[in-house]
Amino acid sequence: MTTANRYRIVIRCPLCGEKYILRGKQNENGEYETGFKQCVCGNEDRLIIEATPE
């Protein structure tokens, strides 16, 4: 993985306010792959995801 295709991903949970900062890459479907599954409060679906290239 080169730095050209890496992204800084910020995931925020609107239910509990938790914030996660991860690194990942974008797949062919336009989704970001970080390995993140769910928030500590159990929220899997309603997440705010922001991505910026590194």
Protein backbone atom coordinates (compact mmCIF):
# COMPACT_ATOMS: atom_id res chain seq x y z
CA MET A 1 0.00 0.00 0.00
CA THR A 2 1.47 3.32 -1.03
CA THR A 3 0.68 6.63 0.57
CA ALA A 4 -1.15 7.75 -2.59
CA ASN A 5 -4.09 5.41 -1.96
CA ARG A 6 -4.26 5.68 1.84
CA TYR A 7 -6.90 7.73 3.59
CA ARG A 8 -7.33 9.15 7.08
CA ILE A 9 -10.80 8.00 8.13
CA VAL A 10 -12.68 9.70 10.95
CA ILE A 11 -15.70 7.74 12.18
CA ARG A 12 -18.14 9.43 14.56
CA CYS A 13 -21.06 7.78 16.33
CA PRO A 14 -24.07 10.10 16.67
CA LEU A 15 -25.61 7.86 19.35
CA CYS A 16 -22.87 8.02 21.98
CA GLY A 17 -20.48 10.67 20.60
CA GLU A 18 -17.46 8.34 20.32
CA LYS A 19 -14.84 9.26 17.69
CA TYR A 20 -12.39 6.91 15.93
CA ILE A 21 -9.44 7.94 13.76
CA LEU A 22 -8.20 5.17 11.46
CA ARG A 23 -6.21 4.65 8.28
CA GLY A 24 -7.65 2.76 5.36
CA LYS A 25 -8.03 2.47 1.64
CA GLN A 26 -10.89 2.78 -0.80
CA ASN A 27 -12.15 -0.35 -2.55
CA GLU A 28 -13.59 -0.62 -6.06
CA ASN A 29 -17.13 -0.03 -4.72
CA GLY A 30 -16.15 3.38 -3.31
CA GLU A 31 -16.31 2.18 0.31
CA TYR A 32 -13.47 2.60 2.79
CA GLU A 33 -11.78 -0.48 4.29
CA THR A 34 -10.43 0.05 7.79
CA GLY A 35 -11.40 -3.10 9.66
CA PHE A 36 -13.88 -1.11 11.78
CA LYS A 37 -16.94 -3.21 12.69
CA GLN A 38 -19.02 -1.33 15.28
CA CYS A 39 -18.91 1.36 17.94
CA VAL A 40 -18.48 0.47 21.61
CA CYS A 41 -22.19 1.27 22.11
CA GLY A 42 -23.15 -1.42 19.55
CA ASN A 43 -24.00 0.96 16.70
CA GLU A 44 -23.09 -0.61 13.33
CA ASP A 45 -25.20 1.32 10.83
CA ARG A 46 -25.66 4.98 11.76
CA LEU A 47 -22.09 6.26 11.61
CA ILE A 48 -20.69 9.51 10.21
CA ILE A 49 -17.63 8.75 8.07
CA GLU A 50 -15.21 11.40 6.79
CA ALA A 51 -12.18 10.58 4.65
CA THR A 52 -9.20 12.68 3.60
CA PRO A 53 -6.22 11.52 1.51
CA GLU A 54 -2.90 11.21 3.33
